[in-house]
Amino acid sequence: RLSKVVYESVTYIVEQLRNSKFKLYGHELEFKEGATYKPITIDLEDGRKVELTGKIDRADIAEIGDEKFVRIIDYKSSVRDLDLNQVVAGLQIQLISYLDAITENEKLNPAGVLYFNLIDTIIKNSKNMADEEIKEYKMKGLIVADIDIIKAMDTKLEKGFSDTVPVYIDRDGNVSNNRSSVISKEKFESLQKYAKKIVKEISSDIMNGKIDIKPYYMNKKTGCDFCEYKSICGFDINNNENEEFDVQKTKVFKYIMFKK
């Protein structure tokens, strides 16, 4: 099964690159001393500095008009998509932070952040489908809502859903915002700034020793599920002093990210 999934994934990746103006810029690009890029440095208000290290699975670059654009792709062994509420909550800022760093280092424009799920995804049969199982390897994530950028990612796309990225083109040739995972260039830049702000706040909290017992709760999952420090933390939902942070109830993205 593993060999089959790897073969199909690689086949899809190669085919997707053939039908794209975005070309591989690099893979496993690291942010750390002695690597591709220096660590991402966060300057705190009190003068202290925090260095973030990490690794980009893959970065692709395309020249569109007179400008160059970059997209970040992260390979996952489980289904993953970008949830803007999680970004606001500080739970899903990795790819946005990497994209922000590489655009600054290379003087590039952001095109999007995407997840490629390396699993054997099966779409359940329906009355409108053939009897055989249909596998889907379409990437998920968030893309700048620019028709030139989108068609550079999928050169075969004219109308309908893309086979590559989470985008739908209507009969008039326009991007359908309701059926696509896109935001405007201005909002994407705001998202980058907001992610940077969140990273700075988290870094400051860590340096100041803030370790409140307040795990996140989302879709019946919590930050406690795979935590190695349960016995030390002692979180107990039945304790009135303990409280979970319900990500789904916040819905703060549209109110916070775009306010002036």
Protein backbone atom coordinates (compact mmCIF):
# COMPACT_ATOMS: atom_id res chain seq x y z
CA ARG A 1 0.00 0.00 0.00
CA LEU A 2 2.82 2.41 0.87
CA SER A 3 4.64 1.73 -2.41
CA LYS A 4 1.40 2.25 -4.31
CA VAL A 5 0.66 5.56 -2.59
CA VAL A 6 4.20 6.86 -3.13
CA TYR A 7 4.14 5.86 -6.82
CA GLU A 8 0.77 7.53 -7.41
CA SER A 9 1.78 10.64 -5.48
CA VAL A 10 5.03 11.07 -7.42
CA THR A 11 3.22 10.44 -10.70
CA TYR A 12 0.69 13.13 -9.82
CA ILE A 13 3.37 15.62 -8.72
CA VAL A 14 5.28 15.19 -12.00
CA GLU A 15 2.09 15.56 -14.06
CA GLN A 16 1.08 18.63 -12.03
CA LEU A 17 4.47 20.27 -12.67
CA ARG A 18 4.15 19.57 -16.41
CA ASN A 19 0.90 21.53 -16.44
CA SER A 20 2.23 24.46 -14.43
CA LYS A 21 4.36 27.53 -15.02
CA PHE A 22 5.56 27.19 -11.44
CA LYS A 23 8.87 25.37 -11.44
CA LEU A 24 10.66 23.74 -8.55
CA TYR A 25 12.86 26.25 -6.75
CA GLY A 26 13.98 23.97 -3.95
CA HIS A 27 12.98 21.33 -1.45
CA GLU A 28 13.82 20.93 2.24
CA LEU A 29 14.87 24.58 2.40
CA GLU A 30 15.97 25.14 5.99
CA PHE A 31 15.94 28.20 8.20
CA LYS A 32 18.89 27.77 10.57
CA GLU A 33 22.54 28.68 10.93
CA GLY A 34 24.64 27.21 8.15
CA ALA A 35 21.61 26.25 6.06
CA THR A 36 19.83 27.76 3.03
CA TYR A 37 18.51 30.67 5.07
CA LYS A 38 19.36 32.12 8.45
CA PRO A 39 16.87 31.55 11.28
CA ILE A 40 13.77 33.74 11.23
CA THR A 41 14.54 36.44 13.80
CA ILE A 42 11.80 37.96 15.95
CA ASP A 43 12.64 41.25 17.69
CA LEU A 44 10.67 41.59 20.92
CA GLU A 45 9.57 44.89 22.45
CA ASP A 46 12.01 44.54 25.35
CA GLY A 47 14.99 44.22 23.02
CA ARG A 48 15.36 40.44 23.23
CA LYS A 49 15.49 38.35 20.08
CA VAL A 50 13.92 34.97 19.33
CA GLU A 51 15.18 32.77 16.49
CA LEU A 52 12.83 30.37 14.73
CA THR A 53 14.17 27.40 12.81
CA GLY A 54 12.31 25.15 10.41
CA LYS A 55 12.16 23.59 6.99
CA ILE A 56 10.08 24.15 3.85
CA ASP A 57 9.23 20.88 2.10
CA ARG A 58 9.04 22.53 -1.30
CA ALA A 59 9.02 25.96 -2.90
CA ASP A 60 8.02 26.70 -6.51
CA ILE A 61 8.59 29.94 -8.42
CA ALA A 62 6.91 31.34 -11.55
CA GLU A 63 7.54 34.46 -13.59
CA ILE A 64 4.23 36.12 -14.42
CA GLY A 65 4.50 39.32 -16.41
CA ASP A 66 7.36 41.32 -14.96
CA GLU A 67 7.13 39.80 -11.48
CA LYS A 68 8.14 36.57 -9.79
CA PHE A 69 5.82 34.65 -7.48
CA VAL A 70 6.47 31.87 -4.99
CA ARG A 71 4.24 29.20 -3.49
CA ILE A 72 5.04 26.99 -0.52
CA ILE A 73 4.00 23.33 -0.54
CA ASP A 74 3.96 21.13 2.55
CA TYR A 75 3.70 17.35 2.25
CA LYS A 76 1.43 15.69 4.82
CA SER A 77 0.66 12.07 5.66
CA SER A 78 -2.86 13.01 6.75
CA VAL A 79 -5.58 15.21 5.28
CA ARG A 80 -4.78 18.85 6.01
CA ASP A 81 -6.25 22.15 4.91
CA LEU A 82 -5.68 25.76 5.92
CA ASP A 83 -8.20 27.01 8.47
CA LEU A 84 -8.10 30.78 8.84
CA ASN A 85 -9.57 30.60 12.36
CA GLN A 86 -6.67 28.36 13.33
CA VAL A 87 -4.26 30.91 11.86
CA VAL A 88 -5.80 33.61 14.04
CA ALA A 89 -5.60 31.32 17.06
CA GLY A 90 -1.89 30.77 16.41
CA LEU A 91 -2.32 27.07 15.66
CA GLN A 92 -1.56 27.10 11.94
CA ILE A 93 1.02 29.78 11.20
CA GLN A 94 3.93 27.65 9.99
CA LEU A 95 3.43 27.90 6.23
CA ILE A 96 2.45 31.56 6.31
CA SER A 97 5.59 32.34 8.33
CA TYR A 98 7.80 30.41 5.91
CA LEU A 99 6.22 32.13 2.91
CA ASP A 100 6.69 35.53 4.54
CA ALA A 101 10.36 34.75 5.22
CA ILE A 102 11.16 33.49 1.72
CA THR A 103 9.41 36.42 0.02
CA GLU A 104 11.55 38.80 2.08
CA ASN A 105 14.79 36.87 1.46
CA GLU A 106 14.29 36.44 -2.27
CA LYS A 107 12.27 39.61 -3.01
CA LEU A 108 9.35 37.59 -4.37
CA ASN A 109 5.58 38.01 -4.37
CA PRO A 110 3.34 35.54 -2.52
CA ALA A 111 1.22 33.19 -4.65
CA GLY A 112 -0.12 30.83 -2.00
CA VAL A 113 0.44 28.11 0.58
CA LEU A 114 -0.62 24.55 -0.16
CA TYR A 115 -0.77 21.12 1.44
CA PHE A 116 -0.19 17.98 -0.59
CA ASN A 117 -1.71 15.00 1.21
CA LEU A 118 0.41 11.89 0.70
CA ILE A 119 -2.39 9.45 1.40
CA ASP A 120 -4.65 7.21 -0.62
CA THR A 121 -7.68 9.49 -0.50
CA ILE A 122 -10.89 7.79 -1.59
CA ILE A 123 -14.01 9.67 -2.63
CA LYS A 124 -17.07 7.64 -1.72
CA ASN A 125 -19.20 6.43 -4.58
CA SER A 126 -22.35 8.34 -5.42
CA LYS A 127 -25.08 7.84 -7.99
CA ASN A 128 -23.27 10.31 -10.27
CA MET A 129 -19.97 8.43 -10.14
CA ALA A 130 -18.66 5.30 -11.73
CA ASP A 131 -18.48 2.18 -9.60
CA GLU A 132 -14.71 2.27 -9.33
CA GLU A 133 -13.06 4.19 -6.54
CA ILE A 134 -11.90 7.67 -7.41
CA LYS A 135 -8.68 8.92 -5.87
CA GLU A 136 -7.97 12.58 -5.32
CA TYR A 137 -4.59 14.21 -4.89
CA LYS A 138 -5.65 17.82 -5.40
CA MET A 139 -3.73 20.19 -3.15
CA LYS A 140 -5.51 22.17 -0.43
CA GLY A 141 -4.63 25.52 1.05
CA LEU A 142 -4.97 29.19 0.19
CA ILE A 143 -4.11 31.02 -3.05
CA VAL A 144 -3.99 34.66 -4.10
CA ALA A 145 -7.18 35.38 -6.07
CA ASP A 146 -5.47 36.39 -9.29
CA ILE A 147 -6.51 34.63 -12.49
CA ASP A 148 -2.99 34.85 -13.92
CA ILE A 149 -1.48 33.23 -10.81
CA ILE A 150 -4.14 30.51 -10.81
CA LYS A 151 -3.70 29.68 -14.48
CA ALA A 152 0.06 29.61 -13.96
CA MET A 153 -0.54 26.89 -11.36
CA ASP A 154 -2.84 24.95 -13.69
CA THR A 155 -2.23 25.77 -17.35
CA LYS A 156 -4.99 23.34 -18.43
CA LEU A 157 -7.68 25.13 -16.42
CA GLU A 158 -10.27 26.99 -18.48
CA LYS A 159 -13.56 26.48 -16.65
CA GLY A 160 -14.84 24.47 -13.70
CA PHE A 161 -12.74 22.95 -10.93
CA SER A 162 -8.97 22.69 -11.20
CA ASP A 163 -7.47 19.21 -10.94
CA THR A 164 -4.50 20.69 -9.13
CA VAL A 165 -5.46 23.54 -6.80
CA PRO A 166 -8.61 24.42 -4.81
CA VAL A 167 -10.07 26.80 -7.41
CA TYR A 168 -13.23 27.01 -9.51
CA ILE A 169 -13.50 29.14 -12.67
CA ASP A 170 -17.04 30.15 -13.65
CA ARG A 171 -18.50 30.25 -17.17
CA ASP A 172 -17.39 33.88 -17.57
CA GLY A 173 -13.79 32.95 -16.84
CA ASN A 174 -13.71 34.52 -13.39
CA VAL A 175 -12.57 33.00 -10.11
CA SER A 176 -15.53 31.91 -7.98
CA ASN A 177 -14.72 33.08 -4.45
CA ASN A 178 -17.47 30.94 -2.95
CA ARG A 179 -16.19 27.72 -4.56
CA SER A 180 -12.49 28.44 -4.29
CA SER A 181 -9.97 28.77 -1.48
CA VAL A 182 -8.68 32.22 -2.41
CA ILE A 183 -8.27 35.70 -0.98
CA SER A 184 -7.15 38.94 -2.59
CA LYS A 185 -3.50 39.95 -2.78
CA GLU A 186 -4.11 42.72 -0.24
CA LYS A 187 -5.77 40.35 2.23
CA PHE A 188 -3.04 37.78 1.72
CA GLU A 189 -0.44 40.40 2.64
CA SER A 190 -2.55 41.28 5.68
CA LEU A 191 -2.54 37.60 6.60
CA GLN A 192 1.26 37.56 6.43
CA LYS A 193 1.46 40.60 8.71
CA TYR A 194 -1.02 39.07 11.13
CA ALA A 195 0.90 35.78 11.29
CA LYS A 196 4.07 37.73 12.04
CA LYS A 197 2.23 39.57 14.82
CA ILE A 198 0.99 36.29 16.31
CA VAL A 199 4.48 34.76 16.21
CA LYS A 200 5.84 37.80 18.03
CA GLU A 201 3.12 37.57 20.71
CA ILE A 202 3.73 33.84 21.23
CA SER A 203 7.49 34.40 21.41
CA SER A 204 7.01 37.13 23.99
CA ASP A 205 4.70 34.92 26.07
CA ILE A 206 7.25 32.07 26.04
CA MET A 207 10.12 34.35 27.04
CA ASN A 208 8.03 35.81 29.86
CA GLY A 209 7.09 32.38 31.19
CA LYS A 210 3.40 32.48 30.32
CA ILE A 211 2.18 28.89 30.39
CA ASP A 212 -1.53 29.15 31.14
CA ILE A 213 -3.38 25.85 31.36
CA LYS A 214 -5.66 26.55 28.42
CA PRO A 215 -5.46 23.92 25.65
CA TYR A 216 -7.29 24.49 22.40
CA TYR A 217 -10.49 22.60 21.55
CA MET A 218 -11.59 22.05 17.96
CA ASN A 219 -13.67 19.36 16.22
CA LYS A 220 -13.63 17.22 19.38
CA LYS A 221 -9.83 17.38 19.45
CA THR A 222 -7.71 19.22 21.97
CA GLY A 223 -4.10 20.15 22.51
CA CYS A 224 -4.03 17.48 25.22
CA ASP A 225 -4.59 14.53 22.89
CA PHE A 226 -0.92 13.85 22.17
CA CYS A 227 0.69 15.95 24.88
CA GLU A 228 3.56 14.34 26.82
CA TYR A 229 3.08 16.54 29.87
CA LYS A 230 -0.43 15.63 31.03
CA SER A 231 0.77 14.39 34.40
CA ILE A 232 2.61 17.66 35.03
CA CYS A 233 -0.05 20.00 33.68
CA GLY A 234 -2.95 18.43 35.56
CA PHE A 235 -5.59 19.94 33.26
CA ASP A 236 -9.08 18.88 34.34
CA ILE A 237 -12.17 20.07 32.49
CA ASN A 238 -14.18 19.51 35.68
CA ASN A 239 -12.03 22.03 37.52
CA ASN A 240 -13.68 25.45 37.38
CA GLU A 241 -10.26 27.08 37.17
CA ASN A 242 -9.39 25.13 34.01
CA GLU A 243 -10.74 26.30 30.67
CA GLU A 244 -10.34 25.22 27.06
CA PHE A 245 -9.88 27.65 24.18
CA ASP A 246 -12.62 26.78 21.69
CA VAL A 247 -11.20 27.72 18.28
CA GLN A 248 -14.48 27.16 16.45
CA LYS A 249 -16.38 29.59 18.64
CA THR A 250 -13.96 32.45 18.12
CA LYS A 251 -14.63 33.11 14.43
CA VAL A 252 -12.43 36.15 14.85
CA PHE A 253 -10.58 36.03 11.54
CA LYS A 254 -12.69 38.48 9.57
CA TYR A 255 -12.85 40.93 12.48
CA ILE A 256 -9.19 40.97 13.44
CA MET A 257 -7.12 40.43 10.31
CA PHE A 258 -8.51 43.18 8.16
CA LYS A 259 -9.15 45.94 10.67
CA LYS A 260 -7.03 49.04 10.12
